[in-house]
Amino acid sequence: MTDSTLSIGQLHSHFSEMEKRRRLYTVLFIAGSLIIFFGGFSIAENLNSGGFWQGLSKFMDYPAAIVSDTLNADDWLVTIVGHVPALIETINMAAVSTLFGTLFAMILAFCSSRNLGIFAWIVPIARRLMDITRAFPELIIALFLIYLLGATPIPAIIAVAFHTAGALGKLFSEVNENIDKKPLEGLQATGATWLQRMRFGVLPQVLPNYCSYALLRFEINIRASAILGFVGAGGIGQEFRTAISWGAGDQISALFLLLFLTIVAIDQISSRIRRSLVGGAFQMA
């Protein structure tokens, strides 16, 4: 009884010491993080041409100037209509890049799924290719391609499609690995080839989720295409850069409203399509 009491007391003492040590490490970690944060902030503040706190007090000056220019503009609605061609160009860039990125993503997904009977040596290669395509942001790829191909929409399309292939390929491969294998086993028992098993056993199960993810990626690619316009890739982003450099507040607000309404509309439409696709898949299952 005494030995048991001593053992319990020792365990309690041991856990108390561990708890005190854990709290000490937590306090030291938080203190070190705060020192690094404020030290880095101070260094950045000293290196900056302006000051954070001084700039914070003027934070609303630029939005106020944009609103003032918009209210004083006589042909603001005409300005909105004038930027529609640039918006259409951005949507076209996003659509083409999403289409090509989705096709390459499907190829990578089927090559990187271990449960589809693909050659074992292809799987790690396909997965590393997807890692590479996801590792580089669209902006970096677009800047490199603009240097090689010139300031046209083509570099933006290639950059967005490149990143889309890796991002969607990862999602598609996870969808592939969660399918029901019974149709594949039945097709294999009848002597079907690998392509026939993929066509009739896998695609009917995964296509609704593929379409859902592709539509979601299309929304993301519209934003990415607009951002790439700032580096000379065309579309509404280039119009934004020009308007900001000129300080044209009415054009900035018109472009912002046009892009915002477009993204909201596409988001609502694609959300309904995704819900119908996924819902139809569940009903079929």
Protein backbone atom coordinates (compact mmCIF):
# COMPACT_ATOMS: atom_id res chain seq x y z
CA MET A 1 0.00 0.00 0.00
CA THR A 2 2.86 2.33 0.88
CA ASP A 3 4.76 1.46 -2.30
CA SER A 4 1.64 2.13 -4.33
CA THR A 5 1.12 5.46 -2.62
CA LEU A 6 4.74 6.41 -3.27
CA SER A 7 4.47 5.41 -6.91
CA ILE A 8 1.36 7.53 -7.39
CA GLY A 9 3.04 10.44 -5.61
CA GLN A 10 6.12 10.10 -7.82
CA LEU A 11 4.00 10.00 -10.95
CA HIS A 12 2.08 13.07 -9.83
CA SER A 13 5.32 14.90 -9.10
CA HIS A 14 6.75 13.84 -12.47
CA PHE A 15 3.70 15.07 -14.39
CA SER A 16 3.70 18.34 -12.42
CA GLU A 17 7.30 18.96 -13.43
CA MET A 18 6.47 18.16 -17.05
CA GLU A 19 3.55 20.58 -16.95
CA LYS A 20 5.72 23.34 -15.49
CA ARG A 21 8.37 22.69 -18.13
CA ARG A 22 5.74 22.80 -20.90
CA ARG A 23 4.40 26.12 -19.63
CA LEU A 24 7.93 27.52 -19.44
CA TYR A 25 8.65 26.48 -23.04
CA THR A 26 5.34 27.99 -24.16
CA VAL A 27 6.13 31.31 -22.47
CA LEU A 28 9.64 31.34 -23.96
CA PHE A 29 8.28 30.55 -27.42
CA ILE A 30 5.67 33.31 -27.27
CA ALA A 31 8.21 35.80 -25.93
CA GLY A 32 10.73 34.87 -28.65
CA SER A 33 8.06 35.16 -31.34
CA LEU A 34 7.03 38.61 -30.09
CA ILE A 35 10.65 39.78 -30.00
CA ILE A 36 11.24 38.56 -33.57
CA PHE A 37 7.97 40.10 -34.79
CA PHE A 38 8.47 43.54 -33.28
CA GLY A 39 12.20 43.50 -34.08
CA GLY A 40 11.47 42.70 -37.73
CA PHE A 41 8.73 45.32 -37.79
CA SER A 42 11.12 47.92 -36.42
CA ILE A 43 13.78 47.05 -39.01
CA ALA A 44 11.24 47.20 -41.84
CA GLU A 45 9.93 50.51 -40.52
CA ASN A 46 13.44 52.00 -40.53
CA LEU A 47 14.17 50.74 -44.05
CA ASN A 48 10.85 51.99 -45.44
CA SER A 49 10.65 55.32 -47.21
CA GLY A 50 7.46 56.06 -45.28
CA GLY A 51 6.17 55.06 -41.89
CA PHE A 52 3.47 52.55 -41.02
CA TRP A 53 1.76 54.64 -38.35
CA GLN A 54 2.01 57.81 -40.43
CA GLY A 55 0.58 55.98 -43.44
CA LEU A 56 -2.17 54.40 -41.37
CA SER A 57 -3.64 57.81 -40.60
CA LYS A 58 -3.89 58.46 -44.37
CA PHE A 59 -5.28 55.02 -45.18
CA MET A 60 -8.70 56.29 -46.29
CA ASP A 61 -7.41 59.23 -48.34
CA TYR A 62 -6.97 57.23 -51.55
CA PRO A 63 -10.40 55.48 -51.39
CA ALA A 64 -11.97 58.85 -50.63
CA ALA A 65 -10.31 60.34 -53.73
CA ILE A 66 -11.65 57.46 -55.84
CA VAL A 67 -15.18 58.01 -54.53
CA SER A 68 -14.88 61.76 -55.12
CA ASP A 69 -13.72 61.26 -58.73
CA THR A 70 -16.55 58.79 -59.32
CA LEU A 71 -19.22 61.15 -58.01
CA ASN A 72 -17.85 64.01 -60.10
CA ALA A 73 -17.63 61.94 -63.30
CA ASP A 74 -20.24 62.73 -65.95
CA ASP A 75 -19.94 59.56 -68.05
CA TRP A 76 -19.23 56.89 -65.43
CA LEU A 77 -21.65 54.36 -66.96
CA VAL A 78 -20.04 54.89 -70.34
CA THR A 79 -16.68 54.19 -68.68
CA ILE A 80 -17.99 50.87 -67.37
CA VAL A 81 -19.23 49.84 -70.82
CA GLY A 82 -15.91 50.85 -72.34
CA HIS A 83 -14.03 48.33 -70.19
CA VAL A 84 -16.29 45.37 -71.08
CA PRO A 85 -13.97 44.17 -73.93
CA ALA A 86 -11.06 43.94 -71.45
CA LEU A 87 -13.27 41.96 -69.07
CA ILE A 88 -14.26 39.57 -71.87
CA GLU A 89 -10.58 39.09 -72.67
CA THR A 90 -9.89 38.19 -69.03
CA ILE A 91 -12.78 35.70 -68.97
CA ASN A 92 -11.52 34.15 -72.22
CA MET A 93 -8.02 33.83 -70.74
CA ALA A 94 -9.43 32.10 -67.66
CA ALA A 95 -11.66 29.79 -69.73
CA VAL A 96 -8.90 28.65 -72.10
CA SER A 97 -6.39 28.13 -69.29
CA THR A 98 -8.98 26.21 -67.25
CA LEU A 99 -9.81 23.98 -70.22
CA PHE A 100 -6.21 23.05 -71.00
CA GLY A 101 -5.28 22.83 -67.32
CA THR A 102 -8.19 20.45 -66.67
CA LEU A 103 -7.21 18.18 -69.56
CA PHE A 104 -3.61 17.93 -68.34
CA ALA A 105 -4.86 17.47 -64.78
CA MET A 106 -6.93 14.46 -65.83
CA ILE A 107 -3.89 12.87 -67.46
CA LEU A 108 -1.76 13.48 -64.37
CA ALA A 109 -4.53 12.23 -62.07
CA PHE A 110 -4.93 8.92 -63.88
CA CYS A 111 -1.15 8.46 -63.95
CA SER A 112 -0.76 9.24 -60.23
CA SER A 113 -3.57 7.04 -58.81
CA ARG A 114 -2.25 3.78 -57.39
CA ASN A 115 -5.60 1.98 -57.46
CA LEU A 116 -6.20 2.20 -61.23
CA GLY A 117 -3.70 -0.44 -62.32
CA ILE A 118 -1.25 2.00 -63.91
CA PHE A 119 2.45 1.14 -64.11
CA ALA A 120 3.98 1.58 -60.65
CA TRP A 121 6.95 3.60 -61.92
CA ILE A 122 4.66 6.23 -63.49
CA VAL A 123 2.92 7.12 -60.20
CA PRO A 124 5.84 8.89 -58.43
CA ILE A 125 6.81 10.70 -61.65
CA ALA A 126 3.28 12.05 -62.12
CA ARG A 127 3.06 13.10 -58.48
CA ARG A 128 6.36 14.96 -58.64
CA LEU A 129 5.22 16.71 -61.81
CA MET A 130 2.11 17.89 -59.97
CA ASP A 131 4.28 19.09 -57.10
CA ILE A 132 6.40 21.10 -59.53
CA THR A 133 3.40 22.73 -61.22
CA ARG A 134 1.97 23.74 -57.84
CA ALA A 135 5.28 25.00 -56.49
CA PHE A 136 5.56 28.02 -58.79
CA PRO A 137 2.98 30.83 -58.49
CA GLU A 138 1.26 31.97 -61.68
CA LEU A 139 2.82 35.42 -61.34
CA ILE A 140 6.39 34.09 -61.43
CA ILE A 141 5.68 31.88 -64.44
CA ALA A 142 3.92 34.72 -66.25
CA LEU A 143 6.81 37.14 -65.67
CA PHE A 144 9.26 34.60 -67.07
CA LEU A 145 7.07 33.87 -70.12
CA ILE A 146 6.40 37.56 -70.78
CA TYR A 147 10.17 38.04 -71.00
CA LEU A 148 10.33 35.24 -73.59
CA LEU A 149 7.05 35.64 -75.50
CA GLY A 150 6.21 39.31 -75.05
CA ALA A 151 3.41 41.14 -73.25
CA THR A 152 0.41 39.25 -74.66
CA PRO A 153 -2.34 37.10 -73.08
CA ILE A 154 -0.50 33.92 -74.14
CA PRO A 155 1.98 33.96 -71.19
CA ALA A 156 -0.91 34.42 -68.75
CA ILE A 157 -2.86 31.53 -70.28
CA ILE A 158 0.16 29.22 -70.11
CA ALA A 159 0.99 30.28 -66.54
CA VAL A 160 -2.55 29.78 -65.24
CA ALA A 161 -2.99 26.48 -67.12
CA PHE A 162 0.35 25.24 -65.73
CA HIS A 163 -0.70 25.90 -62.14
CA THR A 164 -4.24 24.64 -62.76
CA ALA A 165 -2.92 21.28 -64.00
CA GLY A 166 -1.09 20.66 -60.74
CA ALA A 167 -3.84 21.92 -58.43
CA LEU A 168 -6.65 20.04 -60.16
CA GLY A 169 -4.48 16.98 -60.74
CA LYS A 170 -4.04 16.62 -56.98
CA LEU A 171 -7.78 16.89 -56.38
CA PHE A 172 -8.64 14.56 -59.26
CA SER A 173 -6.21 11.90 -58.03
CA GLU A 174 -7.85 11.96 -54.60
CA VAL A 175 -11.24 11.51 -56.27
CA ASN A 176 -9.84 8.57 -58.24
CA GLU A 177 -8.52 6.88 -55.13
CA ASN A 178 -11.95 6.98 -53.46
CA ILE A 179 -13.94 5.27 -56.22
CA ASP A 180 -15.77 1.95 -55.92
CA LYS A 181 -13.48 -0.72 -57.41
CA LYS A 182 -16.23 -3.28 -58.06
CA PRO A 183 -16.99 -1.97 -61.59
CA LEU A 184 -13.27 -2.18 -62.41
CA GLU A 185 -13.07 -5.75 -61.15
CA GLY A 186 -16.13 -6.71 -63.17
CA LEU A 187 -14.74 -5.15 -66.35
CA GLN A 188 -11.37 -6.79 -65.79
CA ALA A 189 -13.07 -10.18 -65.37
CA THR A 190 -14.69 -9.76 -68.80
CA GLY A 191 -11.33 -9.05 -70.43
CA ALA A 192 -11.64 -5.28 -70.82
CA THR A 193 -8.49 -3.32 -71.56
CA TRP A 194 -7.13 -0.65 -69.22
CA LEU A 195 -8.58 2.17 -71.34
CA GLN A 196 -11.97 0.45 -71.39
CA ARG A 197 -11.89 0.04 -67.61
CA MET A 198 -11.12 3.74 -67.23
CA ARG A 199 -13.80 4.72 -69.74
CA PHE A 200 -16.65 2.62 -68.38
CA GLY A 201 -15.61 1.95 -64.78
CA VAL A 202 -13.93 5.15 -63.56
CA LEU A 203 -15.14 8.13 -65.59
CA PRO A 204 -18.85 7.70 -64.77
CA GLN A 205 -17.96 7.82 -61.07
CA VAL A 206 -15.54 10.75 -61.12
CA LEU A 207 -16.84 13.11 -63.83
CA PRO A 208 -19.35 14.96 -61.58
CA ASN A 209 -16.60 15.79 -59.07
CA TYR A 210 -14.20 16.63 -61.91
CA CYS A 211 -16.66 19.15 -63.33
CA SER A 212 -17.34 20.59 -59.88
CA TYR A 213 -13.64 21.15 -59.17
CA ALA A 214 -13.04 22.55 -62.68
CA LEU A 215 -15.82 25.12 -62.24
CA LEU A 216 -14.40 26.14 -58.87
CA ARG A 217 -10.98 26.51 -60.48
CA PHE A 218 -12.50 28.62 -63.25
CA GLU A 219 -13.58 31.18 -60.64
CA ILE A 220 -10.07 31.22 -59.19
CA ASN A 221 -8.50 31.57 -62.64
CA ILE A 222 -10.59 34.67 -63.41
CA ARG A 223 -9.04 36.37 -60.39
CA ALA A 224 -5.59 35.08 -61.35
CA SER A 225 -5.97 36.32 -64.94
CA ALA A 226 -7.01 39.74 -63.67
CA ILE A 227 -3.96 39.89 -61.39
CA LEU A 228 -1.61 38.84 -64.20
CA GLY A 229 -2.82 41.80 -66.23
CA PHE A 230 -0.83 44.02 -63.84
CA VAL A 231 2.41 42.58 -65.27
CA GLY A 232 1.39 43.20 -68.88
CA ALA A 233 -0.56 40.06 -69.73
CA GLY A 234 -3.59 41.96 -70.99
CA GLY A 235 -7.21 41.95 -69.92
CA ILE A 236 -8.87 43.94 -67.19
CA GLY A 237 -5.78 43.77 -64.97
CA GLN A 238 -3.83 45.86 -67.46
CA GLU A 239 -6.66 48.39 -67.49
CA PHE A 240 -6.43 48.50 -63.69
CA ARG A 241 -2.70 49.21 -63.84
CA THR A 242 -3.18 52.00 -66.35
CA ALA A 243 -6.00 53.59 -64.34
CA ILE A 244 -4.00 53.43 -61.10
CA SER A 245 -0.89 54.91 -62.73
CA TRP A 246 -2.96 57.80 -64.10
CA GLY A 247 -4.83 58.28 -60.84
CA ALA A 248 -8.18 58.04 -62.63
CA GLY A 249 -10.51 57.33 -59.72
CA ASP A 250 -13.64 57.01 -61.85
CA GLN A 251 -12.03 54.34 -64.04
CA ILE A 252 -10.69 52.47 -61.00
CA SER A 253 -14.15 52.30 -59.42
CA ALA A 254 -15.74 51.29 -62.74
CA LEU A 255 -13.24 48.47 -63.23
CA PHE A 256 -13.61 47.31 -59.65
CA LEU A 257 -17.41 47.23 -59.89
CA LEU A 258 -17.31 45.45 -63.24
CA LEU A 259 -14.91 42.79 -61.97
CA PHE A 260 -16.81 42.37 -58.71
CA LEU A 261 -20.18 41.89 -60.42
CA THR A 262 -18.66 39.43 -62.89
CA ILE A 263 -17.05 37.32 -60.18
CA VAL A 264 -20.28 37.29 -58.15
CA ALA A 265 -22.32 36.26 -61.20
CA ILE A 266 -19.91 33.50 -62.20
CA ASP A 267 -19.70 32.32 -58.60
CA GLN A 268 -23.49 32.00 -58.36
CA ILE A 269 -23.84 30.25 -61.72
CA SER A 270 -21.00 27.81 -61.14
CA SER A 271 -22.20 27.09 -57.59
CA ARG A 272 -25.60 26.04 -58.91
CA ILE A 273 -23.99 23.88 -61.59
CA ARG A 274 -21.69 22.26 -59.03
CA ARG A 275 -24.59 21.50 -56.69
CA SER A 276 -26.60 19.94 -59.50
CA LEU A 277 -23.63 17.85 -60.66
CA VAL A 278 -22.73 16.57 -57.19
CA GLY A 279 -26.38 16.06 -56.28
CA GLY A 280 -26.95 14.09 -59.45
CA ALA A 281 -23.94 11.93 -58.66
CA PHE A 282 -25.32 11.15 -55.19
CA GLN A 283 -28.72 10.28 -56.66
CA MET A 284 -27.10 7.96 -59.20
CA ALA A 285 -25.11 6.32 -56.40
